[in-house]
Amino acid sequence: MALEFVGRSLALSNSGLSAACGSLAVQGPEVWTVLSVETGAQGFLADRRPQILYERHIFSRLTGGQYDDGDISDPTPGRE
């Protein structure tokens, strides 16, 4: 399935992937593994915004748990 990009964003080309791998000193499969895990294999939402995985347990740790509410901040990881 080809994605339709809008604005100035471009799909990752083979040469772009090679350049990113070289900059990060990793191989292509490592990049695709992170993409798959962190975005569910989709880098963009339906409205073309980039998909970002929010880590509520990291937020909790970095703020000392002061905002823990079981939703946006919690010491245990969770999914929506």
PDB file of N, CA and C in Angstrom:
ATOM      1  N   MET A   1       0.844  -1.179   0.000  1.00  0.00           N
ATOM      2  CA  MET A   1       0.000   0.000   0.000  1.00  0.00           C
ATOM      3  C   MET A   1       0.886   1.237   0.000  1.00  0.00           C
ATOM      4  N   ALA A   2       0.763   2.094  -0.962  1.00  0.00           N
ATOM      5  CA  ALA A   2       1.536   3.329  -1.038  1.00  0.00           C
ATOM      6  C   ALA A   2       0.859   4.403  -0.194  1.00  0.00           C
ATOM      7  N   LEU A   3       1.655   5.082   0.605  1.00  0.00           N
ATOM      8  CA  LEU A   3       1.121   6.160   1.423  1.00  0.00           C
ATOM      9  C   LEU A   3       1.203   7.466   0.652  1.00  0.00           C
ATOM     10  N   GLU A   4       0.206   8.287   0.795  1.00  0.00           N
ATOM     11  CA  GLU A   4       0.194   9.594   0.159  1.00  0.00           C
ATOM     12  C   GLU A   4       0.693  10.611   1.168  1.00  0.00           C
ATOM     13  N   PHE A   5       1.858  11.161   0.933  1.00  0.00           N
ATOM     14  CA  PHE A   5       2.424  12.155   1.831  1.00  0.00           C
ATOM     15  C   PHE A   5       1.974  13.541   1.409  1.00  0.00           C
ATOM     16  N   VAL A   6       1.764  14.409   2.381  1.00  0.00           N
ATOM     17  CA  VAL A   6       1.363  15.784   2.107  1.00  0.00           C
ATOM     18  C   VAL A   6       2.442  16.724   2.621  1.00  0.00           C
ATOM     19  N   GLY A   7       2.395  17.948   2.178  1.00  0.00           N
ATOM     20  CA  GLY A   7       3.382  18.908   2.626  1.00  0.00           C
ATOM     21  C   GLY A   7       4.752  18.579   2.077  1.00  0.00           C
ATOM     22  N   ARG A   8       5.771  18.882   2.871  1.00  0.00           N
ATOM     23  CA  ARG A   8       7.136  18.668   2.419  1.00  0.00           C
ATOM     24  C   ARG A   8       7.693  17.324   2.860  1.00  0.00           C
ATOM     25  N   SER A   9       6.897  16.512   3.507  1.00  0.00           N
ATOM     26  CA  SER A   9       7.366  15.197   3.957  1.00  0.00           C
ATOM     27  C   SER A   9       7.538  14.267   2.774  1.00  0.00           C
ATOM     28  N   LEU A  10       8.533  13.406   2.874  1.00  0.00           N
ATOM     29  CA  LEU A  10       8.771  12.422   1.832  1.00  0.00           C
ATOM     30  C   LEU A  10       8.883  11.042   2.461  1.00  0.00           C
ATOM     31  N   ALA A  11       8.460  10.045   1.734  1.00  0.00           N
ATOM     32  CA  ALA A  11       8.625   8.670   2.195  1.00  0.00           C
ATOM     33  C   ALA A  11      10.118   8.366   2.282  1.00  0.00           C
ATOM     34  N   LEU A  12      10.492   7.473   3.170  1.00  0.00           N
ATOM     35  CA  LEU A  12      11.893   7.087   3.319  1.00  0.00           C
ATOM     36  C   LEU A  12      12.320   6.270   2.096  1.00  0.00           C
ATOM     37  N   SER A  13      13.282   6.791   1.363  1.00  0.00           N
ATOM     38  CA  SER A  13      13.788   6.098   0.175  1.00  0.00           C
ATOM     39  C   SER A  13      14.888   5.120   0.580  1.00  0.00           C
ATOM     40  N   ASN A  14      15.287   4.280  -0.341  1.00  0.00           N
ATOM     41  CA  ASN A  14      16.395   3.354  -0.070  1.00  0.00           C
ATOM     42  C   ASN A  14      17.672   4.106   0.273  1.00  0.00           C
ATOM     43  N   SER A  15      17.945   5.184  -0.467  1.00  0.00           N
ATOM     44  CA  SER A  15      19.161   5.953  -0.174  1.00  0.00           C
ATOM     45  C   SER A  15      19.027   6.679   1.156  1.00  0.00           C
ATOM     46  N   GLY A  16      17.824   7.126   1.495  1.00  0.00           N
ATOM     47  CA  GLY A  16      17.593   7.758   2.790  1.00  0.00           C
ATOM     48  C   GLY A  16      17.782   6.774   3.922  1.00  0.00           C
ATOM     49  N   LEU A  17      17.297   5.546   3.748  1.00  0.00           N
ATOM     50  CA  LEU A  17      17.483   4.508   4.754  1.00  0.00           C
ATOM     51  C   LEU A  17      18.968   4.198   4.921  1.00  0.00           C
ATOM     52  N   SER A  18      19.680   4.096   3.826  1.00  0.00           N
ATOM     53  CA  SER A  18      21.125   3.831   3.895  1.00  0.00           C
ATOM     54  C   SER A  18      21.854   4.950   4.620  1.00  0.00           C
ATOM     55  N   ALA A  19      21.483   6.183   4.325  1.00  0.00           N
ATOM     56  CA  ALA A  19      22.119   7.329   4.989  1.00  0.00           C
ATOM     57  C   ALA A  19      21.821   7.325   6.482  1.00  0.00           C
ATOM     58  N   ALA A  20      20.570   7.036   6.854  1.00  0.00           N
ATOM     59  CA  ALA A  20      20.200   6.983   8.274  1.00  0.00           C
ATOM     60  C   ALA A  20      20.953   5.868   8.980  1.00  0.00           C
ATOM     61  N   CYS A  21      21.042   4.718   8.352  1.00  0.00           N
ATOM     62  CA  CYS A  21      21.774   3.592   8.945  1.00  0.00           C
ATOM     63  C   CYS A  21      23.243   3.951   9.139  1.00  0.00           C
ATOM     64  N   GLY A  22      23.829   4.618   8.161  1.00  0.00           N
ATOM     65  CA  GLY A  22      25.224   5.029   8.278  1.00  0.00           C
ATOM     66  C   GLY A  22      25.430   6.019   9.408  1.00  0.00           C
ATOM     67  N   SER A  23      24.517   6.978   9.532  1.00  0.00           N
ATOM     68  CA  SER A  23      24.617   7.982  10.599  1.00  0.00           C
ATOM     69  C   SER A  23      24.476   7.368  11.978  1.00  0.00           C
ATOM     70  N   LEU A  24      23.620   6.354  12.077  1.00  0.00           N
ATOM     71  CA  LEU A  24      23.351   5.723  13.373  1.00  0.00           C
ATOM     72  C   LEU A  24      24.239   4.511  13.642  1.00  0.00           C
ATOM     73  N   ALA A  25      25.004   4.098  12.652  1.00  0.00           N
ATOM     74  CA  ALA A  25      25.852   2.899  12.741  1.00  0.00           C
ATOM     75  C   ALA A  25      25.022   1.655  13.072  1.00  0.00           C
ATOM     76  N   VAL A  26      23.904   1.498  12.358  1.00  0.00           N
ATOM     77  CA  VAL A  26      23.039   0.332  12.508  1.00  0.00           C
ATOM     78  C   VAL A  26      22.705  -0.214  11.122  1.00  0.00           C
ATOM     79  N   GLN A  27      22.020  -1.348  11.089  1.00  0.00           N
ATOM     80  CA  GLN A  27      21.596  -1.970   9.838  1.00  0.00           C
ATOM     81  C   GLN A  27      20.108  -1.689   9.604  1.00  0.00           C
ATOM     82  N   GLY A  28      19.662  -1.854   8.362  1.00  0.00           N
ATOM     83  CA  GLY A  28      18.267  -1.627   7.997  1.00  0.00           C
ATOM     84  C   GLY A  28      17.267  -2.383   8.852  1.00  0.00           C
ATOM     85  N   PRO A  29      17.477  -3.684   9.112  1.00  0.00           N
ATOM     86  CA  PRO A  29      16.509  -4.416   9.928  1.00  0.00           C
ATOM     87  C   PRO A  29      16.323  -3.818  11.329  1.00  0.00           C
ATOM     88  N   GLU A  30      17.379  -3.222  11.862  1.00  0.00           N
ATOM     89  CA  GLU A  30      17.256  -2.585  13.181  1.00  0.00           C
ATOM     90  C   GLU A  30      16.352  -1.361  13.114  1.00  0.00           C
ATOM     91  N   VAL A  31      16.484  -0.584  12.057  1.00  0.00           N
ATOM     92  CA  VAL A  31      15.620   0.587  11.880  1.00  0.00           C
ATOM     93  C   VAL A  31      14.173   0.146  11.732  1.00  0.00           C
ATOM     94  N   TRP A  32      13.925  -0.868  10.905  1.00  0.00           N
ATOM     95  CA  TRP A  32      12.551  -1.330  10.681  1.00  0.00           C
ATOM     96  C   TRP A  32      11.956  -1.968  11.928  1.00  0.00           C
ATOM     97  N   THR A  33      12.792  -2.588  12.766  1.00  0.00           N
ATOM     98  CA  THR A  33      12.298  -3.154  14.023  1.00  0.00           C
ATOM     99  C   THR A  33      11.793  -2.049  14.939  1.00  0.00           C
ATOM    100  N   VAL A  34      12.581  -0.989  15.069  1.00  0.00           N
ATOM    101  CA  VAL A  34      12.156   0.139  15.913  1.00  0.00           C
ATOM    102  C   VAL A  34      10.883   0.767  15.342  1.00  0.00           C
ATOM    103  N   LEU A  35      10.842   0.964  14.045  1.00  0.00           N
ATOM    104  CA  LEU A  35       9.654   1.537  13.407  1.00  0.00           C
ATOM    105  C   LEU A  35       8.421   0.677  13.687  1.00  0.00           C
ATOM    106  N   SER A  36       8.568  -0.618  13.548  1.00  0.00           N
ATOM    107  CA  SER A  36       7.451  -1.536  13.757  1.00  0.00           C
ATOM    108  C   SER A  36       6.957  -1.511  15.206  1.00  0.00           C
ATOM    109  N   VAL A  37       7.898  -1.549  16.151  1.00  0.00           N
ATOM    110  CA  VAL A  37       7.530  -1.598  17.570  1.00  0.00           C
ATOM    111  C   VAL A  37       6.961  -0.263  18.035  1.00  0.00           C
ATOM    112  N   GLU A  38       7.595   0.824  17.666  1.00  0.00           N
ATOM    113  CA  GLU A  38       7.218   2.134  18.188  1.00  0.00           C
ATOM    114  C   GLU A  38       6.018   2.757  17.488  1.00  0.00           C
ATOM    115  N   THR A  39       5.705   2.332  16.277  1.00  0.00           N
ATOM    116  CA  THR A  39       4.593   2.952  15.554  1.00  0.00           C
ATOM    117  C   THR A  39       3.578   1.954  15.040  1.00  0.00           C
ATOM    118  N   GLY A  40       3.726   0.678  15.375  1.00  0.00           N
ATOM    119  CA  GLY A  40       2.814  -0.327  14.843  1.00  0.00           C
ATOM    120  C   GLY A  40       2.951  -0.464  13.342  1.00  0.00           C
ATOM    121  N   ALA A  41       4.154  -0.223  12.821  1.00  0.00           N
ATOM    122  CA  ALA A  41       4.494  -0.307  11.393  1.00  0.00           C
ATOM    123  C   ALA A  41       3.889   0.817  10.566  1.00  0.00           C
ATOM    124  N   GLN A  42       3.292   1.782  11.204  1.00  0.00           N
ATOM    125  CA  GLN A  42       2.748   2.954  10.517  1.00  0.00           C
ATOM    126  C   GLN A  42       3.374   4.198  11.141  1.00  0.00           C
ATOM    127  N   GLY A  43       4.167   4.915  10.407  1.00  0.00           N
ATOM    128  CA  GLY A  43       4.817   6.099  10.937  1.00  0.00           C
ATOM    129  C   GLY A  43       3.918   7.307  11.057  1.00  0.00           C
ATOM    130  N   PHE A  44       2.724   7.236  10.440  1.00  0.00           N
ATOM    131  CA  PHE A  44       1.819   8.382  10.441  1.00  0.00           C
ATOM    132  C   PHE A  44       0.411   7.959  10.799  1.00  0.00           C
ATOM    133  N   LEU A  45      -0.319   8.863  11.443  1.00  0.00           N
ATOM    134  CA  LEU A  45      -1.741   8.653  11.725  1.00  0.00           C
ATOM    135  C   LEU A  45      -2.544   8.898  10.453  1.00  0.00           C
ATOM    136  N   ALA A  46      -3.816   8.578  10.472  1.00  0.00           N
ATOM    137  CA  ALA A  46      -4.663   8.734   9.283  1.00  0.00           C
ATOM    138  C   ALA A  46      -4.689  10.176   8.781  1.00  0.00           C
ATOM    139  N   ASP A  47      -4.559  11.148   9.685  1.00  0.00           N
ATOM    140  CA  ASP A  47      -4.590  12.553   9.265  1.00  0.00           C
ATOM    141  C   ASP A  47      -3.200  13.090   8.916  1.00  0.00           C
ATOM    142  N   ARG A  48      -2.219  12.185   8.773  1.00  0.00           N
ATOM    143  CA  ARG A  48      -0.865  12.467   8.316  1.00  0.00           C
ATOM    144  C   ARG A  48       0.050  13.076   9.373  1.00  0.00           C
ATOM    145  N   ARG A  49      -0.388  13.131  10.637  1.00  0.00           N
ATOM    146  CA  ARG A  49       0.517  13.553  11.708  1.00  0.00           C
ATOM    147  C   ARG A  49       1.412  12.379  12.063  1.00  0.00           C
ATOM    148  N   PRO A  50       2.665  12.645  12.468  1.00  0.00           N
ATOM    149  CA  PRO A  50       3.532  11.533  12.859  1.00  0.00           C
ATOM    150  C   PRO A  50       3.002  10.844  14.105  1.00  0.00           C
ATOM    151  N   GLN A  51       3.108   9.543  14.133  1.00  0.00           N
ATOM    152  CA  GLN A  51       2.656   8.773  15.286  1.00  0.00           C
ATOM    153  C   GLN A  51       3.776   8.720  16.311  1.00  0.00           C
ATOM    154  N   ILE A  52       3.457   9.043  17.550  1.00  0.00           N
ATOM    155  CA  ILE A  52       4.447   9.054  18.622  1.00  0.00           C
ATOM    156  C   ILE A  52       3.907   8.209  19.765  1.00  0.00           C
ATOM    157  N   LEU A  53       4.725   7.294  20.257  1.00  0.00           N
ATOM    158  CA  LEU A  53       4.325   6.444  21.373  1.00  0.00           C
ATOM    159  C   LEU A  53       4.607   7.179  22.678  1.00  0.00           C
ATOM    160  N   TYR A  54       3.566   7.457  23.441  1.00  0.00           N
ATOM    161  CA  TYR A  54       3.705   8.137  24.731  1.00  0.00           C
ATOM    162  C   TYR A  54       4.009   7.096  25.799  1.00  0.00           C
ATOM    163  N   GLU A  55       5.037   7.327  26.578  1.00  0.00           N
ATOM    164  CA  GLU A  55       5.473   6.391  27.616  1.00  0.00           C
ATOM    165  C   GLU A  55       5.114   6.947  28.984  1.00  0.00           C
ATOM    166  N   ARG A  56       3.922   6.606  29.478  1.00  0.00           N
ATOM    167  CA  ARG A  56       3.450   7.180  30.737  1.00  0.00           C
ATOM    168  C   ARG A  56       4.313   6.797  31.919  1.00  0.00           C
ATOM    169  N   HIS A  57       4.924   5.624  31.903  1.00  0.00           N
ATOM    170  CA  HIS A  57       5.774   5.215  33.012  1.00  0.00           C
ATOM    171  C   HIS A  57       7.091   5.990  33.041  1.00  0.00           C
ATOM    172  N   ILE A  58       7.568   6.408  31.882  1.00  0.00           N
ATOM    173  CA  ILE A  58       8.777   7.238  31.843  1.00  0.00           C
ATOM    174  C   ILE A  58       8.453   8.637  32.346  1.00  0.00           C
ATOM    175  N   PHE A  59       7.301   9.174  31.938  1.00  0.00           N
ATOM    176  CA  PHE A  59       6.865  10.473  32.448  1.00  0.00           C
ATOM    177  C   PHE A  59       6.751  10.425  33.969  1.00  0.00           C
ATOM    178  N   SER A  60       6.183   9.352  34.483  1.00  0.00           N
ATOM    179  CA  SER A  60       6.039   9.182  35.932  1.00  0.00           C
ATOM    180  C   SER A  60       7.408   9.185  36.605  1.00  0.00           C
ATOM    181  N   ARG A  61       8.330   8.442  36.058  1.00  0.00           N
ATOM    182  CA  ARG A  61       9.674   8.369  36.648  1.00  0.00           C
ATOM    183  C   ARG A  61      10.369   9.722  36.611  1.00  0.00           C
ATOM    184  N   LEU A  62      10.278  10.413  35.478  1.00  0.00           N
ATOM    185  CA  LEU A  62      10.977  11.689  35.326  1.00  0.00           C
ATOM    186  C   LEU A  62      10.365  12.802  36.167  1.00  0.00           C
ATOM    187  N   THR A  63       9.103  12.661  36.546  1.00  0.00           N
ATOM    188  CA  THR A  63       8.454  13.683  37.377  1.00  0.00           C
ATOM    189  C   THR A  63       8.299  13.231  38.819  1.00  0.00           C
ATOM    190  N   GLY A  64       8.970  12.146  39.177  1.00  0.00           N
ATOM    191  CA  GLY A  64       8.917  11.664  40.552  1.00  0.00           C
ATOM    192  C   GLY A  64       7.538  11.201  40.979  1.00  0.00           C
ATOM    193  N   GLY A  65       6.698  10.847  40.024  1.00  0.00           N
ATOM    194  CA  GLY A  65       5.366  10.339  40.334  1.00  0.00           C
ATOM    195  C   GLY A  65       4.382  11.395  40.810  1.00  0.00           C
ATOM    196  N   GLN A  66       4.761  12.655  40.755  1.00  0.00           N
ATOM    197  CA  GLN A  66       3.889  13.702  41.297  1.00  0.00           C
ATOM    198  C   GLN A  66       2.595  13.903  40.501  1.00  0.00           C
ATOM    199  N   TYR A  67       2.540  13.379  39.282  1.00  0.00           N
ATOM    200  CA  TYR A  67       1.330  13.521  38.467  1.00  0.00           C
ATOM    201  C   TYR A  67       0.624  12.185  38.237  1.00  0.00           C
ATOM    202  N   ASP A  68       1.042  11.141  38.940  1.00  0.00           N
ATOM    203  CA  ASP A  68       0.449   9.822  38.738  1.00  0.00           C
ATOM    204  C   ASP A  68      -1.066   9.869  38.935  1.00  0.00           C
ATOM    205  N   ASP A  69      -1.771   9.475  37.918  1.00  0.00           N
ATOM    206  CA  ASP A  69      -3.232   9.453  37.968  1.00  0.00           C
ATOM    207  C   ASP A  69      -3.785   8.152  37.378  1.00  0.00           C
ATOM    208  N   GLY A  70      -2.883   7.231  36.992  1.00  0.00           N
ATOM    209  CA  GLY A  70      -3.322   5.971  36.409  1.00  0.00           C
ATOM    210  C   GLY A  70      -3.647   6.081  34.939  1.00  0.00           C
ATOM    211  N   ASP A  71      -3.524   7.259  34.385  1.00  0.00           N
ATOM    212  CA  ASP A  71      -3.845   7.468  32.978  1.00  0.00           C
ATOM    213  C   ASP A  71      -2.645   8.086  32.262  1.00  0.00           C
ATOM    214  N   ILE A  72      -2.467   9.374  32.425  1.00  0.00           N
ATOM    215  CA  ILE A  72      -1.383  10.065  31.740  1.00  0.00           C
ATOM    216  C   ILE A  72      -0.036   9.837  32.409  1.00  0.00           C
ATOM    217  N   SER A  73      -0.057   9.513  33.680  1.00  0.00           N
ATOM    218  CA  SER A  73       1.166   9.244  34.423  1.00  0.00           C
ATOM    219  C   SER A  73       0.919   8.072  35.361  1.00  0.00           C
ATOM    220  N   ASP A  74       1.780   7.069  35.279  1.00  0.00           N
ATOM    221  CA  ASP A  74       1.627   5.888  36.114  1.00  0.00           C
ATOM    222  C   ASP A  74       2.964   5.161  36.129  1.00  0.00           C
ATOM    223  N   PRO A  75       3.345   4.565  37.254  1.00  0.00           N
ATOM    224  CA  PRO A  75       4.629   3.875  37.295  1.00  0.00           C
ATOM    225  C   PRO A  75       4.683   2.596  36.454  1.00  0.00           C
ATOM    226  N   THR A  76       3.541   2.083  36.027  1.00  0.00           N
ATOM    227  CA  THR A  76       3.551   0.881  35.194  1.00  0.00           C
ATOM    228  C   THR A  76       3.199   1.229  33.756  1.00  0.00           C
ATOM    229  N   PRO A  77       3.866   0.578  32.794  1.00  0.00           N
ATOM    230  CA  PRO A  77       3.553   0.853  31.394  1.00  0.00           C
ATOM    231  C   PRO A  77       2.125   0.402  31.073  1.00  0.00           C
ATOM    232  N   GLY A  78       1.547   1.018  30.097  1.00  0.00           N
ATOM    233  CA  GLY A  78       0.204   0.616  29.685  1.00  0.00           C
ATOM    234  C   GLY A  78      -0.128   1.142  28.316  1.00  0.00           C
ATOM    235  N   ARG A  79      -1.115   0.567  27.719  1.00  0.00           N
ATOM    236  CA  ARG A  79      -1.586   1.009  26.405  1.00  0.00           C
ATOM    237  C   ARG A  79      -2.978   1.571  26.524  1.00  0.00           C
ATOM    238  N   GLU A  80      -3.283   2.466  25.569  1.00  0.00           N
ATOM    239  CA  GLU A  80      -4.632   3.053  25.568  1.00  0.00           C
ATOM    240  C   GLU A  80      -5.649   2.065  25.114  1.00  0.00           C
TER     241      GLU A  80
END
